[in-house]
Amino acid sequence: MALGARQRRLYKSKVALYKPVLTRDAATGLLTDKEYVLAGTAVKCLFEKRDSVSTPFVIGRGEQDNQFTHEEIHFQANQVIGENWVILDQTVDVHGVDALTNGDYWIVIGEPKKIPDLGGRRAGHVSVQANRHKTPHPSIS
């Protein structure tokens, strides 16, 4: 499924996706280390600031601004992505200059939320929650 007209206009960021792969210990045969393999480059997406509901207030829990470490990222509806995948921002502006977030890493937390294309404004995409990390896994170059 291709991006819709609205998505083509809004999905300006480009990222590389890395899929986690478990390796087996040669001696025991047990799953041990996790490595990452490149699963896609120049994947268009939309970053959306996401608030955290983890702060307790007098009445229940409330939203706390957490824009520096937590994001919701939207992809086209048929994009394959899953929990613990690594997202590397590769965005450049219209003049070819690296964006401020170019080179930043996020790790997907939880399973993706798939929104079917039912004709609504926010339909036809896959959304993931991701936390920003300073350094990637050593298997990511």
N, C-alpha and C. Protein backbone atom coordinates (compact mmCIF):
# COMPACT_ATOMS: atom_id res chain seq x y z
N MET A 1 0.85 -1.17 0.00
CA MET A 1 0.00 0.00 0.00
C MET A 1 0.89 1.24 0.00
N ALA A 2 0.69 2.12 -0.94
CA ALA A 2 1.48 3.35 -1.04
C ALA A 2 0.96 4.39 -0.05
N LEU A 3 1.78 5.38 0.19
CA LEU A 3 1.36 6.48 1.06
C LEU A 3 0.22 7.24 0.42
N GLY A 4 -0.73 7.67 1.24
CA GLY A 4 -1.82 8.49 0.76
C GLY A 4 -1.34 9.92 0.52
N ALA A 5 -2.20 10.75 -0.05
CA ALA A 5 -1.82 12.13 -0.36
C ALA A 5 -1.41 12.90 0.89
N ARG A 6 -2.14 12.75 1.96
CA ARG A 6 -1.82 13.44 3.21
C ARG A 6 -0.51 12.91 3.79
N GLN A 7 -0.30 11.59 3.73
CA GLN A 7 0.93 11.01 4.24
C GLN A 7 2.14 11.47 3.42
N ARG A 8 2.00 11.56 2.10
CA ARG A 8 3.11 12.03 1.27
C ARG A 8 3.51 13.45 1.66
N ARG A 9 2.54 14.24 2.06
CA ARG A 9 2.81 15.62 2.45
C ARG A 9 3.45 15.71 3.84
N LEU A 10 3.08 14.81 4.75
CA LEU A 10 3.54 14.90 6.13
C LEU A 10 4.73 14.00 6.47
N TYR A 11 4.89 12.89 5.81
CA TYR A 11 5.94 11.94 6.14
C TYR A 11 7.26 12.39 5.51
N LYS A 12 7.93 13.34 6.14
CA LYS A 12 9.15 13.94 5.60
C LYS A 12 10.41 13.31 6.15
N SER A 13 10.34 12.64 7.29
CA SER A 13 11.52 12.03 7.88
C SER A 13 11.84 10.72 7.17
N LYS A 14 13.13 10.39 7.09
CA LYS A 14 13.57 9.12 6.53
C LYS A 14 14.44 8.42 7.55
N VAL A 15 14.19 7.13 7.73
CA VAL A 15 14.91 6.36 8.74
C VAL A 15 15.41 5.05 8.16
N ALA A 16 16.38 4.47 8.85
CA ALA A 16 16.81 3.09 8.59
C ALA A 16 16.26 2.23 9.72
N LEU A 17 15.82 1.04 9.39
CA LEU A 17 15.26 0.13 10.38
C LEU A 17 16.19 -1.07 10.54
N TYR A 18 16.42 -1.45 11.79
CA TYR A 18 17.25 -2.60 12.12
C TYR A 18 16.43 -3.60 12.91
N LYS A 19 16.44 -4.84 12.44
CA LYS A 19 15.65 -5.91 13.04
C LYS A 19 16.53 -6.71 14.00
N PRO A 20 16.02 -7.00 15.21
CA PRO A 20 16.81 -7.82 16.14
C PRO A 20 16.82 -9.29 15.73
N VAL A 21 17.97 -9.92 15.89
CA VAL A 21 18.13 -11.34 15.59
C VAL A 21 18.86 -11.97 16.77
N LEU A 22 18.29 -13.02 17.32
CA LEU A 22 18.95 -13.73 18.43
C LEU A 22 19.96 -14.71 17.87
N THR A 23 21.11 -14.81 18.52
CA THR A 23 22.14 -15.76 18.11
C THR A 23 22.23 -16.88 19.14
N ARG A 24 22.71 -18.01 18.70
CA ARG A 24 22.84 -19.18 19.59
C ARG A 24 24.28 -19.34 20.04
N ASP A 25 24.43 -19.70 21.29
CA ASP A 25 25.75 -20.03 21.83
C ASP A 25 26.20 -21.35 21.19
N ALA A 26 27.41 -21.35 20.65
CA ALA A 26 27.90 -22.53 19.94
C ALA A 26 28.03 -23.75 20.86
N ALA A 27 28.38 -23.51 22.10
CA ALA A 27 28.61 -24.62 23.04
C ALA A 27 27.30 -25.20 23.58
N THR A 28 26.38 -24.32 23.98
CA THR A 28 25.16 -24.79 24.64
C THR A 28 23.95 -24.87 23.72
N GLY A 29 23.97 -24.13 22.63
CA GLY A 29 22.83 -24.11 21.73
C GLY A 29 21.71 -23.21 22.21
N LEU A 30 21.91 -22.51 23.31
CA LEU A 30 20.89 -21.61 23.86
C LEU A 30 20.96 -20.24 23.18
N LEU A 31 19.80 -19.59 23.10
CA LEU A 31 19.76 -18.23 22.56
C LEU A 31 20.47 -17.30 23.54
N THR A 32 21.40 -16.52 23.04
CA THR A 32 22.18 -15.67 23.94
C THR A 32 22.12 -14.20 23.54
N ASP A 33 22.99 -13.81 22.66
CA ASP A 33 23.12 -12.39 22.32
C ASP A 33 22.12 -11.97 21.26
N LYS A 34 21.85 -10.68 21.26
CA LYS A 34 20.98 -10.10 20.26
C LYS A 34 21.84 -9.27 19.33
N GLU A 35 21.69 -9.46 18.04
CA GLU A 35 22.34 -8.64 17.05
C GLU A 35 21.27 -7.99 16.20
N TYR A 36 21.65 -6.97 15.45
CA TYR A 36 20.69 -6.27 14.61
C TYR A 36 21.15 -6.34 13.16
N VAL A 37 20.20 -6.58 12.26
CA VAL A 37 20.48 -6.59 10.83
C VAL A 37 19.62 -5.52 10.16
N LEU A 38 20.17 -4.91 9.13
CA LEU A 38 19.46 -3.85 8.42
C LEU A 38 18.23 -4.42 7.74
N ALA A 39 17.07 -3.82 8.00
CA ALA A 39 15.81 -4.29 7.43
C ALA A 39 15.21 -3.30 6.44
N GLY A 40 15.73 -2.09 6.38
CA GLY A 40 15.21 -1.10 5.45
C GLY A 40 15.92 0.23 5.59
N THR A 41 16.08 0.93 4.47
CA THR A 41 16.68 2.27 4.50
C THR A 41 15.76 3.25 3.79
N ALA A 42 15.92 4.51 4.10
CA ALA A 42 15.12 5.59 3.49
C ALA A 42 13.63 5.33 3.61
N VAL A 43 13.21 4.79 4.75
CA VAL A 43 11.79 4.53 5.02
C VAL A 43 11.16 5.83 5.50
N LYS A 44 10.13 6.29 4.81
CA LYS A 44 9.47 7.55 5.18
C LYS A 44 8.59 7.34 6.41
N CYS A 45 8.61 8.35 7.29
CA CYS A 45 7.80 8.25 8.51
C CYS A 45 7.49 9.64 9.04
N LEU A 46 6.69 9.67 10.09
CA LEU A 46 6.31 10.90 10.77
C LEU A 46 6.56 10.72 12.25
N PHE A 47 7.38 11.61 12.84
CA PHE A 47 7.63 11.60 14.28
C PHE A 47 6.59 12.48 14.95
N GLU A 48 5.99 11.97 16.01
CA GLU A 48 4.99 12.73 16.77
C GLU A 48 5.39 12.71 18.23
N LYS A 49 5.49 13.89 18.82
CA LYS A 49 5.82 13.98 20.24
C LYS A 49 4.74 13.27 21.03
N ARG A 50 5.15 12.44 21.97
CA ARG A 50 4.21 11.66 22.76
C ARG A 50 4.43 11.95 24.23
N ASP A 51 3.37 12.21 24.95
CA ASP A 51 3.47 12.47 26.39
C ASP A 51 3.42 11.17 27.17
N SER A 52 3.96 11.21 28.36
CA SER A 52 3.99 10.04 29.23
C SER A 52 2.87 10.12 30.26
N VAL A 53 2.25 8.98 30.53
CA VAL A 53 1.18 8.96 31.54
C VAL A 53 1.68 8.32 32.83
N SER A 54 2.98 8.36 33.05
CA SER A 54 3.54 7.65 34.19
C SER A 54 3.67 8.50 35.45
N THR A 55 3.25 9.75 35.41
CA THR A 55 3.41 10.62 36.56
C THR A 55 2.16 10.62 37.43
N PRO A 56 2.27 10.19 38.69
CA PRO A 56 1.10 10.21 39.57
C PRO A 56 0.79 11.63 40.04
N PHE A 57 -0.49 11.97 40.02
CA PHE A 57 -0.96 13.25 40.53
C PHE A 57 -1.96 12.99 41.64
N VAL A 58 -2.52 14.05 42.19
CA VAL A 58 -3.49 13.93 43.27
C VAL A 58 -4.67 13.06 42.82
N ILE A 59 -5.13 13.29 41.61
CA ILE A 59 -6.25 12.51 41.07
C ILE A 59 -5.72 11.66 39.92
N GLY A 60 -5.34 10.43 40.20
CA GLY A 60 -4.88 9.50 39.16
C GLY A 60 -3.51 9.84 38.60
N ARG A 61 -3.30 9.45 37.37
CA ARG A 61 -2.04 9.72 36.68
C ARG A 61 -2.26 10.78 35.63
N GLY A 62 -1.22 11.55 35.37
CA GLY A 62 -1.36 12.64 34.42
C GLY A 62 -0.28 12.62 33.36
N GLU A 63 -0.49 13.46 32.37
CA GLU A 63 0.47 13.58 31.28
C GLU A 63 1.64 14.46 31.72
N GLN A 64 2.84 13.96 31.48
CA GLN A 64 4.03 14.76 31.75
C GLN A 64 4.80 14.89 30.46
N ASP A 65 5.29 16.08 30.17
CA ASP A 65 6.02 16.31 28.95
C ASP A 65 7.28 15.45 28.95
N ASN A 66 7.47 14.68 27.90
CA ASN A 66 8.60 13.77 27.81
C ASN A 66 9.13 13.77 26.38
N GLN A 67 9.20 14.94 25.76
CA GLN A 67 9.50 15.05 24.35
C GLN A 67 10.93 14.68 23.98
N PHE A 68 11.82 14.60 24.93
CA PHE A 68 13.21 14.36 24.59
C PHE A 68 13.57 12.89 24.49
N THR A 69 12.76 12.01 25.03
CA THR A 69 13.14 10.61 25.03
C THR A 69 12.08 9.68 24.45
N HIS A 70 10.86 10.11 24.31
CA HIS A 70 9.77 9.21 23.92
C HIS A 70 9.03 9.78 22.72
N GLU A 71 8.84 8.97 21.70
CA GLU A 71 8.17 9.42 20.48
C GLU A 71 7.14 8.39 20.03
N GLU A 72 6.18 8.86 19.27
CA GLU A 72 5.31 7.96 18.51
C GLU A 72 5.69 8.17 17.06
N ILE A 73 5.96 7.09 16.36
CA ILE A 73 6.43 7.18 14.98
C ILE A 73 5.44 6.45 14.09
N HIS A 74 5.00 7.13 13.02
CA HIS A 74 4.01 6.59 12.09
C HIS A 74 4.70 6.19 10.78
N PHE A 75 4.32 5.00 10.27
CA PHE A 75 4.82 4.49 9.00
C PHE A 75 3.63 4.16 8.10
N GLN A 76 3.90 3.92 6.81
CA GLN A 76 2.81 3.50 5.93
C GLN A 76 2.27 2.16 6.40
N ALA A 77 1.07 1.85 6.00
CA ALA A 77 0.32 0.72 6.55
C ALA A 77 0.98 -0.64 6.35
N ASN A 78 1.75 -0.83 5.29
CA ASN A 78 2.33 -2.15 5.05
C ASN A 78 3.78 -2.26 5.54
N GLN A 79 4.25 -1.29 6.30
CA GLN A 79 5.63 -1.33 6.80
C GLN A 79 5.77 -2.41 7.87
N VAL A 80 6.77 -3.27 7.71
CA VAL A 80 7.04 -4.32 8.69
C VAL A 80 7.97 -3.73 9.75
N ILE A 81 7.53 -3.80 10.99
CA ILE A 81 8.32 -3.32 12.14
C ILE A 81 7.80 -4.03 13.37
N GLY A 82 8.64 -4.19 14.37
CA GLY A 82 8.21 -4.90 15.56
C GLY A 82 8.93 -4.40 16.81
N GLU A 83 8.61 -5.07 17.91
CA GLU A 83 9.19 -4.72 19.20
C GLU A 83 10.71 -4.91 19.18
N ASN A 84 11.41 -4.00 19.85
CA ASN A 84 12.87 -3.99 19.98
C ASN A 84 13.61 -3.67 18.69
N TRP A 85 12.92 -3.26 17.64
CA TRP A 85 13.61 -2.83 16.43
C TRP A 85 14.30 -1.50 16.72
N VAL A 86 15.38 -1.24 16.03
CA VAL A 86 16.10 0.03 16.19
C VAL A 86 15.80 0.91 14.98
N ILE A 87 15.52 2.18 15.26
CA ILE A 87 15.24 3.16 14.21
C ILE A 87 16.37 4.18 14.22
N LEU A 88 17.03 4.37 13.08
CA LEU A 88 18.09 5.35 12.93
C LEU A 88 17.59 6.46 12.03
N ASP A 89 17.56 7.69 12.55
CA ASP A 89 17.10 8.82 11.76
C ASP A 89 18.16 9.20 10.73
N GLN A 90 17.75 9.28 9.46
CA GLN A 90 18.63 9.66 8.36
C GLN A 90 18.09 10.86 7.60
N THR A 91 17.31 11.68 8.26
CA THR A 91 16.63 12.78 7.61
C THR A 91 17.58 13.90 7.21
N VAL A 92 17.38 14.41 6.00
CA VAL A 92 18.08 15.61 5.52
C VAL A 92 17.01 16.59 5.05
N ASP A 93 17.33 17.88 5.12
CA ASP A 93 16.35 18.87 4.69
C ASP A 93 16.36 19.02 3.16
N VAL A 94 15.55 19.94 2.64
CA VAL A 94 15.41 20.10 1.19
C VAL A 94 16.71 20.58 0.53
N HIS A 95 17.63 21.12 1.31
CA HIS A 95 18.91 21.60 0.78
C HIS A 95 20.02 20.56 0.92
N GLY A 96 19.69 19.36 1.43
CA GLY A 96 20.67 18.30 1.59
C GLY A 96 21.47 18.37 2.88
N VAL A 97 21.08 19.26 3.79
CA VAL A 97 21.76 19.41 5.07
C VAL A 97 21.13 18.45 6.07
N ASP A 98 21.97 17.79 6.88
CA ASP A 98 21.44 16.88 7.89
C ASP A 98 20.47 17.59 8.83
N ALA A 99 19.34 16.93 9.12
CA ALA A 99 18.39 17.46 10.09
C ALA A 99 19.00 17.38 11.48
N LEU A 100 18.42 18.11 12.43
CA LEU A 100 18.95 18.11 13.79
C LEU A 100 18.93 16.73 14.43
N THR A 101 17.98 15.90 14.04
CA THR A 101 17.87 14.57 14.63
C THR A 101 18.61 13.50 13.82
N ASN A 102 19.23 13.87 12.72
CA ASN A 102 19.95 12.91 11.89
C ASN A 102 21.03 12.22 12.72
N GLY A 103 21.03 10.89 12.71
CA GLY A 103 21.99 10.12 13.49
C GLY A 103 21.48 9.68 14.85
N ASP A 104 20.28 10.12 15.24
CA ASP A 104 19.70 9.70 16.52
C ASP A 104 19.08 8.32 16.39
N TYR A 105 19.05 7.59 17.51
CA TYR A 105 18.52 6.23 17.54
C TYR A 105 17.32 6.14 18.46
N TRP A 106 16.35 5.30 18.07
CA TRP A 106 15.21 4.98 18.91
C TRP A 106 15.06 3.46 18.94
N ILE A 107 14.58 2.94 20.05
CA ILE A 107 14.26 1.51 20.15
C ILE A 107 12.76 1.38 20.38
N VAL A 108 12.12 0.58 19.55
CA VAL A 108 10.67 0.39 19.62
C VAL A 108 10.32 -0.37 20.89
N ILE A 109 9.33 0.16 21.62
CA ILE A 109 8.85 -0.52 22.82
C ILE A 109 7.42 -0.99 22.55
N GLY A 110 7.15 -2.24 22.84
CA GLY A 110 5.82 -2.79 22.61
C GLY A 110 5.59 -3.12 21.14
N GLU A 111 4.47 -3.72 20.89
CA GLU A 111 4.10 -4.10 19.52
C GLU A 111 3.53 -2.91 18.77
N PRO A 112 3.67 -2.89 17.44
CA PRO A 112 3.11 -1.79 16.66
C PRO A 112 1.58 -1.81 16.67
N LYS A 113 1.01 -0.63 16.51
CA LYS A 113 -0.44 -0.49 16.44
C LYS A 113 -0.80 -0.25 14.97
N LYS A 114 -1.56 -1.16 14.39
CA LYS A 114 -1.93 -1.05 12.98
C LYS A 114 -3.31 -0.44 12.86
N ILE A 115 -3.39 0.67 12.15
CA ILE A 115 -4.66 1.36 11.94
C ILE A 115 -5.06 1.13 10.48
N PRO A 116 -6.13 0.38 10.22
CA PRO A 116 -6.51 0.10 8.84
C PRO A 116 -7.02 1.35 8.12
N ASP A 117 -6.96 1.30 6.81
CA ASP A 117 -7.42 2.43 6.00
C ASP A 117 -8.93 2.37 5.88
N LEU A 118 -9.59 3.12 6.74
CA LEU A 118 -11.05 3.15 6.74
C LEU A 118 -11.56 4.50 6.24
N GLY A 119 -10.68 5.26 5.61
CA GLY A 119 -11.09 6.54 5.03
C GLY A 119 -10.95 7.72 5.96
N GLY A 120 -10.62 7.48 7.22
CA GLY A 120 -10.48 8.59 8.15
C GLY A 120 -9.14 9.29 8.01
N ARG A 121 -9.02 10.43 8.63
CA ARG A 121 -7.82 11.24 8.53
C ARG A 121 -6.60 10.55 9.13
N ARG A 122 -6.78 9.81 10.22
CA ARG A 122 -5.66 9.15 10.89
C ARG A 122 -5.61 7.65 10.58
N ALA A 123 -6.17 7.24 9.45
CA ALA A 123 -6.21 5.82 9.10
C ALA A 123 -5.11 5.47 8.12
N GLY A 124 -4.88 4.18 7.97
CA GLY A 124 -3.95 3.69 6.98
C GLY A 124 -2.49 3.85 7.35
N HIS A 125 -2.14 3.51 8.60
CA HIS A 125 -0.74 3.59 8.99
C HIS A 125 -0.43 2.61 10.11
N VAL A 126 0.84 2.47 10.40
CA VAL A 126 1.32 1.66 11.52
C VAL A 126 2.03 2.62 12.47
N SER A 127 1.71 2.56 13.76
CA SER A 127 2.33 3.42 14.75
C SER A 127 3.11 2.59 15.75
N VAL A 128 4.27 3.12 16.16
CA VAL A 128 5.05 2.47 17.20
C VAL A 128 5.45 3.51 18.23
N GLN A 129 5.63 3.06 19.46
CA GLN A 129 6.18 3.88 20.52
C GLN A 129 7.67 3.58 20.58
N ALA A 130 8.51 4.59 20.75
CA ALA A 130 9.95 4.35 20.76
C ALA A 130 10.63 5.28 21.74
N ASN A 131 11.68 4.77 22.38
CA ASN A 131 12.51 5.57 23.29
C ASN A 131 13.84 5.88 22.63
N ARG A 132 14.29 7.11 22.80
CA ARG A 132 15.57 7.54 22.23
C ARG A 132 16.72 6.96 23.05
N HIS A 133 17.78 6.57 22.34
CA HIS A 133 19.00 6.06 22.97
C HIS A 133 20.19 6.78 22.39
N LYS A 134 21.19 7.00 23.23
CA LYS A 134 22.37 7.73 22.78
C LYS A 134 23.25 6.90 21.87
N THR A 135 23.48 5.66 22.24
CA THR A 135 24.38 4.81 21.46
C THR A 135 23.66 3.55 21.04
N PRO A 136 23.89 3.10 19.83
CA PRO A 136 23.24 1.89 19.35
C PRO A 136 23.97 0.64 19.84
N HIS A 137 23.39 -0.49 19.55
CA HIS A 137 24.02 -1.78 19.82
C HIS A 137 25.30 -1.87 18.98
N PRO A 138 26.35 -2.52 19.47
CA PRO A 138 27.60 -2.62 18.72
C PRO A 138 27.45 -3.25 17.32
N SER A 139 26.40 -4.04 17.09
CA SER A 139 26.23 -4.67 15.78
C SER A 139 25.69 -3.70 14.72
N ILE A 140 25.32 -2.48 15.14
CA ILE A 140 24.83 -1.47 14.20
C ILE A 140 25.99 -0.52 13.89
N SER A 141 26.32 -0.44 12.62
CA SER A 141 27.44 0.43 12.25
C SER A 141 26.98 1.80 11.83
